[in-house]
Amino acid sequence: APLSYEQVISDFYDAAGEELAAHLDAGRDVAVICEGDPFFYGSYMYLHDRLAERYEAEVVPGVCSMLGGASVLGAPLVYRNQSLSVLSGVLPQEDLKRRLADADAAVIMKLGRNFPKVRQVLEELGLAGRALYVERATMANQKIVPLDQVEPMSSPYFSLIIVPGERWQG
């Protein structure tokens, strides 16, 4: 049977971790550069899980994409006592719908080919008018597009939707 996607990725991180371990065992310093914050949907965390118990690790925080996205969109995420839900677009449609319906504010990550499903859920819940879409937030090729103008199958990996909390009139 062919390997599952999860097994292929796990094998990749195992091999990469062992390669880094060989450099560390040889007394070299190693740096892993990543986009955003290493511990917020960051690929580095899979290496960290494999190496941090054996080697000293210093993790430098970064600006995660949802905060960069909120900034470039000029959209405060949450006000006062509101709660923020960070959701994966990979969730099954009914799970996504339930979680969004219960959220004060939300950020939906991992859009890509999941974009049509996510947009449909936002429309069904009456949230599409509040939802903001950005591709590659804070990068040189950043693109802000009205939700209803996004080509359904053109949403890249580095894209997200923010549904800001209702504005506080205080």
Protein backbone atom coordinates (compact mmCIF):
# COMPACT_ATOMS: atom_id res chain seq x y z
CA ALA A 1 0.00 0.00 0.00
CA PRO A 2 1.27 3.51 -0.74
CA LEU A 3 2.33 5.62 2.22
CA SER A 4 -0.19 8.10 3.57
CA TYR A 5 0.55 11.83 3.36
CA GLU A 6 1.00 11.90 7.14
CA GLN A 7 3.57 9.07 6.98
CA VAL A 8 5.51 10.73 4.16
CA ILE A 9 5.66 14.01 6.11
CA SER A 10 6.58 12.24 9.35
CA ASP A 11 9.39 10.37 7.57
CA PHE A 12 10.62 13.67 6.10
CA TYR A 13 10.80 15.33 9.55
CA ASP A 14 12.48 12.24 11.03
CA ALA A 15 15.19 12.40 8.35
CA ALA A 16 15.58 16.19 8.64
CA GLY A 17 15.79 15.90 12.43
CA GLU A 18 18.53 13.28 12.23
CA GLU A 19 20.44 15.41 9.73
CA LEU A 20 20.30 18.37 12.12
CA ALA A 21 21.25 16.09 15.03
CA ALA A 22 24.39 15.03 13.15
CA HIS A 23 25.47 18.68 12.87
CA LEU A 24 24.66 19.32 16.53
CA ASP A 25 26.57 16.20 17.60
CA ALA A 26 29.56 17.54 15.65
CA GLY A 27 29.45 20.68 17.82
CA ARG A 28 27.98 22.98 15.20
CA ASP A 29 25.27 25.55 15.81
CA VAL A 30 22.16 25.14 13.70
CA ALA A 31 19.56 27.76 12.78
CA VAL A 32 16.17 27.00 11.28
CA ILE A 33 14.51 29.96 9.58
CA CYS A 34 10.75 30.03 9.16
CA GLU A 35 7.90 32.31 8.14
CA GLY A 36 5.84 33.75 10.99
CA ASP A 37 6.07 32.25 14.45
CA PRO A 38 7.81 28.86 14.78
CA PHE A 39 5.17 27.53 17.18
CA PHE A 40 2.05 28.71 15.34
CA TYR A 41 1.42 26.26 12.51
CA GLY A 42 5.18 26.43 11.91
CA SER A 43 7.10 23.58 10.31
CA TYR A 44 9.87 24.08 12.86
CA MET A 45 7.76 22.71 15.70
CA TYR A 46 7.97 19.20 14.21
CA LEU A 47 11.77 19.41 14.32
CA HIS A 48 11.62 20.90 17.81
CA ASP A 49 9.51 17.96 19.00
CA ARG A 50 12.18 15.59 17.71
CA LEU A 51 15.25 17.45 19.00
CA ALA A 52 14.49 19.68 22.01
CA GLU A 53 14.80 16.91 24.60
CA ARG A 54 18.32 16.05 23.37
CA TYR A 55 19.68 19.50 22.52
CA GLU A 56 19.40 23.03 23.83
CA ALA A 57 17.03 25.06 21.68
CA GLU A 58 16.42 28.79 21.56
CA VAL A 59 13.20 29.74 19.80
CA VAL A 60 12.84 33.33 18.65
CA PRO A 61 9.18 34.34 18.38
CA GLY A 62 7.88 35.83 15.17
CA VAL A 63 4.78 37.64 14.05
CA CYS A 64 2.27 34.95 13.14
CA SER A 65 0.26 35.33 9.96
CA MET A 66 -3.07 36.05 11.66
CA LEU A 67 -1.59 39.04 13.50
CA GLY A 68 0.23 40.25 10.40
CA GLY A 69 -3.01 39.79 8.47
CA ALA A 70 -5.05 41.78 10.99
CA SER A 71 -2.49 44.59 10.79
CA VAL A 72 -2.40 44.86 7.00
CA LEU A 73 -6.20 44.64 6.85
CA GLY A 74 -6.55 47.33 9.54
CA ALA A 75 -8.91 45.00 11.39
CA PRO A 76 -8.82 44.65 15.18
CA LEU A 77 -9.38 40.96 15.92
CA VAL A 78 -11.23 41.05 19.24
CA TYR A 79 -12.59 43.68 21.61
CA ARG A 80 -12.82 43.62 25.40
CA ASN A 81 -14.18 40.23 26.56
CA GLN A 82 -14.54 38.59 23.15
CA SER A 83 -12.83 35.29 22.43
CA LEU A 84 -10.93 34.47 19.26
CA SER A 85 -11.21 31.09 17.52
CA VAL A 86 -8.39 29.99 15.24
CA LEU A 87 -9.75 27.38 12.85
CA SER A 88 -8.28 25.20 10.15
CA GLY A 89 -9.99 25.30 6.77
CA VAL A 90 -9.29 21.57 6.59
CA LEU A 91 -12.06 20.92 9.16
CA PRO A 92 -15.12 19.07 7.87
CA GLN A 93 -17.82 21.51 6.75
CA GLU A 94 -20.23 20.84 9.64
CA ASP A 95 -17.45 21.19 12.26
CA LEU A 96 -16.33 24.46 10.70
CA LYS A 97 -19.90 25.74 10.63
CA ARG A 98 -20.54 24.85 14.28
CA ARG A 99 -17.31 26.43 15.50
CA LEU A 100 -17.81 29.60 13.46
CA ALA A 101 -21.41 29.92 14.65
CA ASP A 102 -20.16 29.85 18.26
CA ALA A 103 -17.25 32.27 17.71
CA ASP A 104 -17.09 35.95 18.69
CA ALA A 105 -14.30 36.35 16.15
CA ALA A 106 -12.34 33.89 14.03
CA VAL A 107 -9.30 33.40 11.88
CA ILE A 108 -9.47 30.62 9.32
CA MET A 109 -6.11 29.27 8.22
CA LYS A 110 -5.08 26.60 5.72
CA LEU A 111 -7.41 27.74 2.98
CA GLY A 112 -5.91 26.60 -0.32
CA ARG A 113 -8.28 24.13 -1.95
CA ASN A 114 -10.58 24.43 1.09
CA PHE A 115 -11.51 28.01 0.18
CA PRO A 116 -14.83 27.22 -1.60
CA LYS A 117 -16.08 25.23 1.41
CA VAL A 118 -15.03 27.98 3.85
CA ARG A 119 -16.68 30.73 1.80
CA GLN A 120 -19.90 28.70 1.57
CA VAL A 121 -19.99 28.26 5.37
CA LEU A 122 -19.39 31.99 5.91
CA GLU A 123 -22.24 32.80 3.51
CA GLU A 124 -24.61 30.31 5.18
CA LEU A 125 -23.88 31.86 8.59
CA GLY A 126 -24.28 35.44 7.33
CA LEU A 127 -20.63 36.20 8.14
CA ALA A 128 -19.35 36.78 4.61
CA GLY A 129 -19.96 40.53 4.88
CA ARG A 130 -17.66 40.76 7.93
CA ALA A 131 -15.03 38.36 6.58
CA LEU A 132 -11.74 39.73 5.25
CA TYR A 133 -9.36 37.81 2.97
CA VAL A 134 -5.62 38.27 2.57
CA GLU A 135 -2.95 36.32 0.71
CA ARG A 136 0.70 36.34 1.83
CA ALA A 137 0.13 38.96 4.55
CA THR A 138 3.18 41.18 5.18
CA MET A 139 5.10 39.68 2.23
CA ALA A 140 6.19 41.71 -0.80
CA ASN A 141 3.54 39.99 -2.94
CA GLN A 142 0.73 40.48 -0.41
CA LYS A 143 -2.76 40.67 -1.90
CA ILE A 144 -6.01 41.81 -0.26
CA VAL A 145 -9.10 40.71 -2.16
CA PRO A 146 -12.81 41.11 -1.34
CA LEU A 147 -14.10 37.68 -0.31
CA ASP A 148 -16.65 37.51 -3.13
CA GLN A 149 -13.95 38.23 -5.73
CA VAL A 150 -11.54 35.45 -4.75
CA GLU A 151 -11.20 32.86 -7.51
CA PRO A 152 -12.33 29.66 -5.75
CA MET A 153 -9.36 27.51 -6.71
CA SER A 154 -6.66 30.22 -6.65
CA SER A 155 -6.32 30.62 -2.89
CA PRO A 156 -2.65 29.92 -2.02
CA TYR A 157 -1.26 28.14 1.04
CA PHE A 158 -0.33 31.47 2.64
CA SER A 159 -3.86 32.89 2.73
CA LEU A 160 -6.33 33.40 5.54
CA ILE A 161 -9.74 34.80 6.36
CA ILE A 162 -10.37 37.00 9.38
CA VAL A 163 -13.86 37.44 10.81
CA PRO A 164 -13.27 40.29 13.28
CA GLY A 165 -15.23 40.62 16.49
CA GLU A 166 -18.13 43.07 16.52
CA ARG A 167 -16.79 46.59 17.07
CA TRP A 168 -17.07 47.80 20.66
CA GLN A 169 -18.71 51.21 20.94
CA GLY A 170 -17.01 52.18 24.21
